[in-house]
Amino acid sequence: MPEDAVLITQGTSPTVEGLSIGLASVSGDEARLSIAQPEQQAELITVTAGEIVEVGEYTVEIYEVETDDEGGSVRLRVTPP
């Protein structure tokens, strides 16, 4: 896993490389992310570990989707345009 991978926990919405990313929910091996590009509405996407998704000109690589007693988390990396 790359050193610049970011851990996002449920209930947080950090900005990563210019994207605002919130973890809405985790169910099994799937996570629902709310992702907003600068100056745009957020979109909801469902992802699994190992998936690579395009959000506008950004690339989001999903490394881990996990659940625990406090909800869930996703470890990902964002590559800006």
N, C-alpha and C. Protein backbone atom coordinates (compact mmCIF):
# COMPACT_ATOMS: atom_id res chain seq x y z
N MET A 1 0.85 -1.17 0.00
CA MET A 1 0.00 0.00 0.00
C MET A 1 0.90 1.24 0.00
N PRO A 2 0.60 2.21 -0.83
CA PRO A 2 1.42 3.42 -0.91
C PRO A 2 1.41 4.21 0.41
N GLU A 3 2.51 4.92 0.66
CA GLU A 3 2.62 5.73 1.87
C GLU A 3 1.60 6.86 1.90
N ASP A 4 1.16 7.32 0.73
CA ASP A 4 0.23 8.45 0.69
C ASP A 4 -1.24 8.02 0.73
N ALA A 5 -1.49 6.74 1.02
CA ALA A 5 -2.88 6.28 1.19
C ALA A 5 -3.46 6.93 2.45
N VAL A 6 -4.73 7.32 2.37
CA VAL A 6 -5.39 8.05 3.46
C VAL A 6 -6.49 7.17 4.05
N LEU A 7 -6.58 7.17 5.38
CA LEU A 7 -7.63 6.44 6.08
C LEU A 7 -8.79 7.40 6.34
N ILE A 8 -9.98 7.04 5.88
CA ILE A 8 -11.18 7.84 6.12
C ILE A 8 -12.13 7.00 6.95
N THR A 9 -12.54 7.53 8.09
CA THR A 9 -13.45 6.81 8.97
C THR A 9 -14.87 7.34 8.80
N GLN A 10 -15.82 6.50 9.13
CA GLN A 10 -17.23 6.86 8.99
C GLN A 10 -17.53 8.09 9.84
N GLY A 11 -18.25 9.04 9.25
CA GLY A 11 -18.62 10.26 9.95
C GLY A 11 -17.65 11.41 9.75
N THR A 12 -16.56 11.18 9.00
CA THR A 12 -15.62 12.26 8.71
C THR A 12 -15.68 12.60 7.22
N SER A 13 -15.24 13.82 6.87
CA SER A 13 -15.24 14.26 5.47
C SER A 13 -13.98 15.08 5.19
N PRO A 14 -12.83 14.44 5.18
CA PRO A 14 -11.60 15.20 4.91
C PRO A 14 -11.49 15.60 3.44
N THR A 15 -10.64 16.58 3.18
CA THR A 15 -10.30 16.96 1.82
C THR A 15 -8.98 16.29 1.47
N VAL A 16 -8.99 15.52 0.39
CA VAL A 16 -7.81 14.78 -0.04
C VAL A 16 -7.48 15.20 -1.46
N GLU A 17 -6.32 15.83 -1.63
CA GLU A 17 -5.88 16.28 -2.97
C GLU A 17 -6.95 17.11 -3.68
N GLY A 18 -7.73 17.88 -2.93
CA GLY A 18 -8.75 18.74 -3.53
C GLY A 18 -10.15 18.16 -3.57
N LEU A 19 -10.31 16.88 -3.28
CA LEU A 19 -11.64 16.26 -3.24
C LEU A 19 -12.11 16.18 -1.79
N SER A 20 -13.36 16.54 -1.55
CA SER A 20 -13.97 16.33 -0.24
C SER A 20 -14.59 14.94 -0.25
N ILE A 21 -14.13 14.06 0.65
CA ILE A 21 -14.56 12.67 0.64
C ILE A 21 -15.14 12.30 1.99
N GLY A 22 -16.39 11.87 1.98
CA GLY A 22 -17.03 11.42 3.20
C GLY A 22 -17.42 9.96 3.09
N LEU A 23 -17.30 9.25 4.19
CA LEU A 23 -17.70 7.85 4.23
C LEU A 23 -19.10 7.78 4.82
N ALA A 24 -20.08 7.50 3.97
CA ALA A 24 -21.48 7.46 4.40
C ALA A 24 -21.80 6.17 5.14
N SER A 25 -21.36 5.03 4.59
CA SER A 25 -21.67 3.75 5.23
C SER A 25 -20.76 2.66 4.70
N VAL A 26 -20.67 1.58 5.49
CA VAL A 26 -19.93 0.39 5.09
C VAL A 26 -20.84 -0.80 5.34
N SER A 27 -20.95 -1.67 4.33
CA SER A 27 -21.75 -2.88 4.46
C SER A 27 -20.98 -4.02 3.83
N GLY A 28 -20.51 -4.94 4.67
CA GLY A 28 -19.71 -6.04 4.14
C GLY A 28 -18.42 -5.51 3.55
N ASP A 29 -18.20 -5.79 2.26
CA ASP A 29 -16.99 -5.32 1.61
C ASP A 29 -17.23 -4.09 0.74
N GLU A 30 -18.41 -3.47 0.87
CA GLU A 30 -18.75 -2.28 0.08
C GLU A 30 -18.83 -1.05 0.97
N ALA A 31 -18.39 0.07 0.41
CA ALA A 31 -18.48 1.36 1.10
C ALA A 31 -19.19 2.36 0.21
N ARG A 32 -20.02 3.21 0.82
CA ARG A 32 -20.67 4.31 0.10
C ARG A 32 -19.91 5.58 0.44
N LEU A 33 -19.34 6.20 -0.59
CA LEU A 33 -18.59 7.43 -0.42
C LEU A 33 -19.34 8.59 -1.03
N SER A 34 -19.26 9.73 -0.37
CA SER A 34 -19.75 10.99 -0.91
C SER A 34 -18.51 11.76 -1.33
N ILE A 35 -18.39 12.05 -2.63
CA ILE A 35 -17.19 12.71 -3.15
C ILE A 35 -17.59 13.98 -3.87
N ALA A 36 -16.97 15.10 -3.47
CA ALA A 36 -17.26 16.38 -4.11
C ALA A 36 -15.98 16.99 -4.66
N GLN A 37 -16.03 17.36 -5.93
CA GLN A 37 -14.94 18.10 -6.54
C GLN A 37 -15.10 19.57 -6.14
N PRO A 38 -14.04 20.36 -6.24
CA PRO A 38 -14.16 21.78 -5.91
C PRO A 38 -15.29 22.44 -6.70
N GLU A 39 -16.10 23.20 -5.98
CA GLU A 39 -17.19 23.99 -6.59
C GLU A 39 -18.28 23.14 -7.24
N GLN A 40 -18.41 21.87 -6.87
CA GLN A 40 -19.44 21.01 -7.46
C GLN A 40 -20.22 20.27 -6.39
N GLN A 41 -21.38 19.75 -6.77
CA GLN A 41 -22.20 18.94 -5.87
C GLN A 41 -21.51 17.60 -5.62
N ALA A 42 -21.72 17.06 -4.44
CA ALA A 42 -21.17 15.74 -4.12
C ALA A 42 -21.94 14.66 -4.87
N GLU A 43 -21.26 13.59 -5.19
CA GLU A 43 -21.92 12.42 -5.78
C GLU A 43 -21.67 11.23 -4.87
N LEU A 44 -22.65 10.34 -4.77
CA LEU A 44 -22.52 9.12 -3.97
C LEU A 44 -22.09 7.98 -4.88
N ILE A 45 -21.05 7.27 -4.46
CA ILE A 45 -20.61 6.11 -5.22
C ILE A 45 -20.39 4.94 -4.26
N THR A 46 -20.57 3.74 -4.77
CA THR A 46 -20.32 2.52 -3.99
C THR A 46 -19.04 1.89 -4.52
N VAL A 47 -18.12 1.58 -3.60
CA VAL A 47 -16.82 1.04 -3.99
C VAL A 47 -16.48 -0.20 -3.17
N THR A 48 -15.55 -0.99 -3.70
CA THR A 48 -15.00 -2.14 -2.98
C THR A 48 -13.48 -2.05 -3.02
N ALA A 49 -12.81 -2.78 -2.14
CA ALA A 49 -11.35 -2.80 -2.12
C ALA A 49 -10.82 -3.29 -3.47
N GLY A 50 -9.77 -2.65 -3.94
CA GLY A 50 -9.17 -3.03 -5.20
C GLY A 50 -9.71 -2.26 -6.39
N GLU A 51 -10.76 -1.49 -6.17
CA GLU A 51 -11.40 -0.76 -7.26
C GLU A 51 -10.69 0.57 -7.51
N ILE A 52 -10.71 0.99 -8.77
CA ILE A 52 -10.21 2.30 -9.17
C ILE A 52 -11.35 3.01 -9.86
N VAL A 53 -11.70 4.21 -9.36
CA VAL A 53 -12.80 4.96 -9.93
C VAL A 53 -12.32 6.33 -10.38
N GLU A 54 -12.97 6.86 -11.40
CA GLU A 54 -12.69 8.19 -11.90
C GLU A 54 -13.77 9.14 -11.39
N VAL A 55 -13.35 10.25 -10.84
CA VAL A 55 -14.27 11.30 -10.39
C VAL A 55 -13.82 12.57 -11.08
N GLY A 56 -14.53 12.92 -12.16
CA GLY A 56 -14.05 14.02 -12.99
C GLY A 56 -12.69 13.64 -13.55
N GLU A 57 -11.69 14.50 -13.31
CA GLU A 57 -10.34 14.22 -13.78
C GLU A 57 -9.47 13.57 -12.70
N TYR A 58 -10.05 13.28 -11.55
CA TYR A 58 -9.33 12.64 -10.44
C TYR A 58 -9.44 11.12 -10.54
N THR A 59 -8.42 10.43 -10.05
CA THR A 59 -8.45 8.98 -9.94
C THR A 59 -8.43 8.62 -8.46
N VAL A 60 -9.36 7.76 -8.04
CA VAL A 60 -9.44 7.33 -6.65
C VAL A 60 -9.22 5.83 -6.61
N GLU A 61 -8.17 5.41 -5.91
CA GLU A 61 -7.84 3.99 -5.76
C GLU A 61 -8.25 3.54 -4.36
N ILE A 62 -9.05 2.49 -4.29
CA ILE A 62 -9.54 1.98 -3.01
C ILE A 62 -8.67 0.80 -2.60
N TYR A 63 -8.03 0.90 -1.44
CA TYR A 63 -7.14 -0.17 -0.96
C TYR A 63 -7.80 -1.08 0.05
N GLU A 64 -8.56 -0.52 0.99
CA GLU A 64 -9.20 -1.33 2.03
C GLU A 64 -10.58 -0.79 2.34
N VAL A 65 -11.51 -1.68 2.62
CA VAL A 65 -12.82 -1.34 3.17
C VAL A 65 -12.99 -2.24 4.39
N GLU A 66 -13.15 -1.62 5.57
CA GLU A 66 -13.23 -2.41 6.80
C GLU A 66 -14.39 -1.94 7.67
N THR A 67 -14.91 -2.86 8.47
CA THR A 67 -15.91 -2.50 9.48
C THR A 67 -15.35 -2.85 10.84
N ASP A 68 -15.79 -2.10 11.85
CA ASP A 68 -15.41 -2.38 13.23
C ASP A 68 -16.54 -1.93 14.15
N ASP A 69 -16.29 -1.96 15.44
CA ASP A 69 -17.33 -1.60 16.41
C ASP A 69 -17.78 -0.15 16.30
N GLU A 70 -16.95 0.70 15.73
CA GLU A 70 -17.26 2.13 15.63
C GLU A 70 -17.83 2.51 14.27
N GLY A 71 -18.08 1.56 13.41
CA GLY A 71 -18.61 1.86 12.08
C GLY A 71 -17.76 1.23 11.01
N GLY A 72 -17.04 2.05 10.28
CA GLY A 72 -16.22 1.52 9.22
C GLY A 72 -15.16 2.51 8.79
N SER A 73 -14.31 2.05 7.87
CA SER A 73 -13.26 2.90 7.35
C SER A 73 -12.88 2.45 5.95
N VAL A 74 -12.28 3.38 5.23
CA VAL A 74 -11.78 3.11 3.88
C VAL A 74 -10.38 3.69 3.80
N ARG A 75 -9.47 2.95 3.20
CA ARG A 75 -8.13 3.47 2.94
C ARG A 75 -8.03 3.63 1.43
N LEU A 76 -7.67 4.85 1.01
CA LEU A 76 -7.66 5.16 -0.42
C LEU A 76 -6.55 6.14 -0.76
N ARG A 77 -6.35 6.31 -2.06
CA ARG A 77 -5.41 7.31 -2.56
C ARG A 77 -6.08 8.07 -3.69
N VAL A 78 -5.88 9.39 -3.71
CA VAL A 78 -6.43 10.24 -4.75
C VAL A 78 -5.28 10.78 -5.59
N THR A 79 -5.41 10.64 -6.91
CA THR A 79 -4.45 11.24 -7.83
C THR A 79 -5.15 12.39 -8.53
N PRO A 80 -4.66 13.63 -8.31
CA PRO A 80 -5.31 14.79 -8.93
C PRO A 80 -4.98 14.87 -10.42
N PRO A 81 -5.75 15.73 -11.13
CA PRO A 81 -5.49 15.88 -12.57
C PRO A 81 -4.12 16.47 -12.85
